Structure formats: C-alpha cells, structure tokens
Amino acid sequence: MKLSWVYYFFGGFIGFVCAIVISMIFYMVEKSGTPILSSLPRKFGAFGHYLLELFNALPFFGIVIGLVLVRYMFQKRLDEEENGPQSS
C-alpha cells in the first residue's frame, strides 16, 4: 500500500470532520433561536434554497477540499513517491 493513500485518507477525514463541526455550529445557532439557515429560502427565494442545499453538502465539500489541500501541501513528496527518487 502506498503511503500517498494514507495522506489522502487523512486529508479527506480531517476535511469531513471540520465540515461536520461547522455544520454542528450552525445547527446549535439555529436551535438557540437565531434563524440563519431557515430564513434563507424566505429572504432569497430559489437562490436561498440553493444555498441551503450547498450547506447540506458541506461535508462532501470538506472531503474534496481536504484532498486538494493534501495534494497541494505534499505535492513534492507525493510526486517523489510516485516517480521514485530523482537525482539532481
């Protein structure tokens, strides 16, 4: 098993967890009586429904952003593992 898969799994997992934490914060704010998400469709109509669906998909966006960040941050290490060590 390549070590790059561990990097990608960890990045996706951390992105998912961070997105769930953000979702839970918004959920707690909604439960406290401040309507942020539930007022979007009333204020913005169809665009508000679209924004609400984007918020519902936040954990999946977190996974994707985690994977992209791993690729960006560890690009040299991942390329080196994929291609083998390069002599300068």
C-alpha atoms as a PDB file:
ATOM      1  CA  MET A   1       0.000   0.000   0.000  1.00  0.00           C
ATOM      2  CA  LYS A   2       1.362   3.359  -0.985  1.00  0.00           C
ATOM      3  CA  LEU A   3       1.839   5.964   1.687  1.00  0.00           C
ATOM      4  CA  SER A   4       0.083   8.527  -0.531  1.00  0.00           C
ATOM      5  CA  TRP A   5      -3.230   6.778   0.137  1.00  0.00           C
ATOM      6  CA  VAL A   6      -2.731   7.369   3.853  1.00  0.00           C
ATOM      7  CA  TYR A   7      -2.131  11.062   3.176  1.00  0.00           C
ATOM      8  CA  TYR A   8      -5.265  11.338   1.054  1.00  0.00           C
ATOM      9  CA  PHE A   9      -7.392   9.402   3.553  1.00  0.00           C
ATOM     10  CA  PHE A  10      -6.196  11.589   6.411  1.00  0.00           C
ATOM     11  CA  GLY A  11      -6.862  14.790   4.430  1.00  0.00           C
ATOM     12  CA  GLY A  12     -10.347  13.659   3.466  1.00  0.00           C
ATOM     13  CA  PHE A  13     -11.112  12.599   7.025  1.00  0.00           C
ATOM     14  CA  ILE A  14      -9.931  15.896   8.518  1.00  0.00           C
ATOM     15  CA  GLY A  15     -11.899  17.850   5.900  1.00  0.00           C
ATOM     16  CA  PHE A  16     -15.024  15.827   6.686  1.00  0.00           C
ATOM     17  CA  VAL A  17     -14.648  16.333  10.439  1.00  0.00           C
ATOM     18  CA  CYS A  18     -14.089  20.078  10.068  1.00  0.00           C
ATOM     19  CA  ALA A  19     -17.179  20.378   7.867  1.00  0.00           C
ATOM     20  CA  ILE A  20     -19.261  18.421  10.375  1.00  0.00           C
ATOM     21  CA  VAL A  21     -18.061  20.741  13.173  1.00  0.00           C
ATOM     22  CA  ILE A  22     -19.064  23.791  11.121  1.00  0.00           C
ATOM     23  CA  SER A  23     -22.449  22.211  10.411  1.00  0.00           C
ATOM     24  CA  MET A  24     -22.953  21.493  14.110  1.00  0.00           C
ATOM     25  CA  ILE A  25     -22.111  25.108  14.998  1.00  0.00           C
ATOM     26  CA  PHE A  26     -24.769  26.364  12.581  1.00  0.00           C
ATOM     27  CA  TYR A  27     -27.210  23.777  13.929  1.00  0.00           C
ATOM     28  CA  MET A  28     -26.620  24.964  17.509  1.00  0.00           C
ATOM     29  CA  VAL A  29     -27.092  28.593  16.478  1.00  0.00           C
ATOM     30  CA  GLU A  30     -30.383  27.630  14.796  1.00  0.00           C
ATOM     31  CA  LYS A  31     -31.545  25.800  17.924  1.00  0.00           C
ATOM     32  CA  SER A  32     -30.692  28.792  20.111  1.00  0.00           C
ATOM     33  CA  GLY A  33     -33.331  30.862  18.311  1.00  0.00           C
ATOM     34  CA  THR A  34     -31.331  32.782  15.709  1.00  0.00           C
ATOM     35  CA  PRO A  35     -32.649  31.694  12.302  1.00  0.00           C
ATOM     36  CA  ILE A  36     -29.737  31.818   9.887  1.00  0.00           C
ATOM     37  CA  LEU A  37     -30.279  28.828   7.632  1.00  0.00           C
ATOM     38  CA  SER A  38     -34.032  28.536   7.943  1.00  0.00           C
ATOM     39  CA  SER A  39     -34.523  32.141   6.852  1.00  0.00           C
ATOM     40  CA  LEU A  40     -32.524  31.758   3.626  1.00  0.00           C
ATOM     41  CA  PRO A  41     -35.451  30.495   1.482  1.00  0.00           C
ATOM     42  CA  ARG A  42     -37.735  33.254   2.781  1.00  0.00           C
ATOM     43  CA  LYS A  43     -35.206  36.013   2.115  1.00  0.00           C
ATOM     44  CA  PHE A  44     -33.707  34.855  -1.168  1.00  0.00           C
ATOM     45  CA  GLY A  45     -36.286  32.503  -2.681  1.00  0.00           C
ATOM     46  CA  ALA A  46     -34.863  29.931  -5.085  1.00  0.00           C
ATOM     47  CA  PHE A  47     -31.313  31.142  -4.509  1.00  0.00           C
ATOM     48  CA  GLY A  48     -31.862  30.618  -0.778  1.00  0.00           C
ATOM     49  CA  HIS A  49     -32.944  27.029  -1.405  1.00  0.00           C
ATOM     50  CA  TYR A  50     -29.799  26.566  -3.487  1.00  0.00           C
ATOM     51  CA  LEU A  51     -27.618  27.959  -0.681  1.00  0.00           C
ATOM     52  CA  LEU A  52     -29.332  25.686   1.815  1.00  0.00           C
ATOM     53  CA  GLU A  53     -28.611  22.646  -0.357  1.00  0.00           C
ATOM     54  CA  LEU A  54     -24.977  23.742  -0.668  1.00  0.00           C
ATOM     55  CA  PHE A  55     -24.811  23.901   3.114  1.00  0.00           C
ATOM     56  CA  ASN A  56     -26.283  20.400   3.346  1.00  0.00           C
ATOM     57  CA  ALA A  57     -23.491  19.177   1.039  1.00  0.00           C
ATOM     58  CA  LEU A  58     -20.791  20.813   3.192  1.00  0.00           C
ATOM     59  CA  PRO A  59     -19.296  17.510   4.465  1.00  0.00           C
ATOM     60  CA  PHE A  60     -18.693  16.365   0.882  1.00  0.00           C
ATOM     61  CA  PHE A  61     -17.071  19.700   0.038  1.00  0.00           C
ATOM     62  CA  GLY A  62     -14.910  19.220   3.134  1.00  0.00           C
ATOM     63  CA  ILE A  63     -13.680  15.872   1.853  1.00  0.00           C
ATOM     64  CA  VAL A  64     -12.810  17.345  -1.538  1.00  0.00           C
ATOM     65  CA  ILE A  65     -11.064  20.378  -0.038  1.00  0.00           C
ATOM     66  CA  GLY A  66      -9.103  18.066   2.293  1.00  0.00           C
ATOM     67  CA  LEU A  67      -7.913  16.009  -0.666  1.00  0.00           C
ATOM     68  CA  VAL A  68      -6.956  19.107  -2.648  1.00  0.00           C
ATOM     69  CA  LEU A  69      -5.036  20.538   0.299  1.00  0.00           C
ATOM     70  CA  VAL A  70      -3.105  17.296   0.751  1.00  0.00           C
ATOM     71  CA  ARG A  71      -2.189  17.332  -2.927  1.00  0.00           C
ATOM     72  CA  TYR A  72      -1.121  20.988  -2.706  1.00  0.00           C
ATOM     73  CA  MET A  73       0.813  20.719   0.568  1.00  0.00           C
ATOM     74  CA  PHE A  74       2.600  17.429  -0.095  1.00  0.00           C
ATOM     75  CA  GLN A  75       2.966  17.621  -3.861  1.00  0.00           C
ATOM     76  CA  LYS A  76       6.734  17.151  -3.893  1.00  0.00           C
ATOM     77  CA  ARG A  77       6.592  14.151  -1.533  1.00  0.00           C
ATOM     78  CA  LEU A  78       3.712  12.514  -3.396  1.00  0.00           C
ATOM     79  CA  ASP A  79       5.371  13.004  -6.778  1.00  0.00           C
ATOM     80  CA  GLU A  80       8.628  11.628  -5.409  1.00  0.00           C
ATOM     81  CA  GLU A  81       6.868   8.519  -4.116  1.00  0.00           C
ATOM     82  CA  GLU A  82       5.048   8.055  -7.420  1.00  0.00           C
ATOM     83  CA  ASN A  83       8.063   8.533  -9.703  1.00  0.00           C
ATOM     84  CA  GLY A  84      10.814   7.304  -7.429  1.00  0.00           C
ATOM     85  CA  PRO A  85      13.667   9.408  -6.086  1.00  0.00           C
ATOM     86  CA  GLN A  86      15.067  11.802  -8.673  1.00  0.00           C
ATOM     87  CA  SER A  87      18.763  12.614  -8.698  1.00  0.00           C
ATOM     88  CA  SER A  88      19.587  16.284  -9.137  1.00  0.00           C
END
